[in-house]
Protein backbone atom coordinates (compact mmCIF):
# COMPACT_ATOMS: atom_id res chain seq x y z
CA MET A 1 0.03 0.02 0.12
CA ALA A 2 1.01 3.53 -0.80
CA ASN A 3 0.92 6.37 1.67
CA GLY A 4 -0.40 10.03 1.04
CA THR A 5 -2.20 12.92 2.32
CA VAL A 6 -5.38 14.31 1.03
CA GLU A 7 -4.45 17.74 -1.16
CA PHE A 8 -8.24 18.22 -2.58
CA PHE A 9 -11.39 17.19 -2.02
CA ASN A 10 -14.56 18.28 -3.57
CA ASP A 11 -17.60 17.27 -1.14
CA THR A 12 -20.19 18.26 -3.76
CA GLY A 13 -18.71 15.70 -6.69
CA GLY A 14 -17.51 13.28 -3.88
CA TYR A 15 -14.00 13.15 -5.59
CA GLY A 16 -10.30 14.47 -4.58
CA PHE A 17 -6.71 13.98 -4.98
CA ILE A 18 -4.05 12.71 -2.79
CA SER A 19 -0.70 13.51 -2.78
CA THR A 20 2.06 10.79 -2.56
CA ASP A 21 5.80 10.02 -2.51
CA ASP A 22 5.34 6.63 -4.29
CA GLY A 23 8.55 6.09 -6.65
CA ASP A 24 6.30 4.46 -9.34
CA LEU A 25 4.67 7.76 -10.08
CA ASP A 26 5.88 11.53 -11.67
CA ASP A 27 6.77 13.58 -8.71
CA ASP A 28 4.12 16.15 -9.73
CA GLU A 29 1.36 13.47 -10.41
CA ASP A 30 -1.37 13.20 -7.69
CA VAL A 31 -3.53 10.21 -7.48
CA PHE A 32 -7.28 10.70 -8.09
CA PHE A 33 -9.96 9.26 -5.62
CA HIS A 34 -13.87 8.73 -5.69
CA MET A 35 -15.64 8.46 -2.21
CA GLU A 36 -16.88 5.15 -3.48
CA ASP A 37 -13.04 3.91 -2.94
CA VAL A 38 -13.37 5.11 0.98
CA GLY A 39 -15.14 3.32 3.57
CA GLY A 40 -16.82 5.83 6.09
CA GLU A 41 -17.03 9.67 6.41
CA ASP A 42 -15.71 12.20 3.67
CA LEU A 43 -12.03 12.85 3.93
CA THR A 44 -10.91 16.44 4.48
CA GLU A 45 -7.78 18.14 3.08
CA GLY A 46 -4.87 17.03 4.98
CA THR A 47 -6.01 13.91 6.12
CA GLU A 48 -3.15 11.25 6.02
CA VAL A 49 -4.36 7.63 4.24
CA GLU A 50 -3.00 4.47 2.85
CA PHE A 51 -4.21 3.12 -0.32
CA ASP A 52 -3.76 0.80 -3.32
CA ILE A 53 -2.86 2.40 -6.84
CA GLU A 54 -4.66 1.18 -9.99
CA SER A 55 -4.29 2.44 -13.59
CA SER A 56 -7.34 4.04 -14.90
CA PRO A 57 -7.41 5.57 -18.64
CA LYS A 58 -7.12 8.87 -17.16
CA GLY A 59 -4.32 8.28 -14.70
CA PRO A 60 -3.39 6.71 -11.39
CA ARG A 61 -6.47 6.02 -9.07
CA ALA A 62 -6.87 5.29 -5.63
CA ALA A 63 -8.52 2.05 -4.32
CA ASN A 64 -8.96 0.71 -0.94
CA VAL A 65 -8.56 4.06 0.71
CA VAL A 66 -8.13 4.06 4.73
CA ARG A 67 -7.16 6.89 7.05
CA THR A 68 -4.11 6.24 8.94
């Protein structure tokens, strides 16, 4: 699992982006997530999380997101 921090969250759309230092990603590439990938309450900016990274047509996507 990768570690990261929620950098942006849109509560209306239920999606956001996670910043991570995962070596498999470009330095400036954040990971997209949707609340369907997160259990429980909405995430907020600054929340630290663990997650799996999956490939999607639009770039990396977080799956199995859990708060740490």
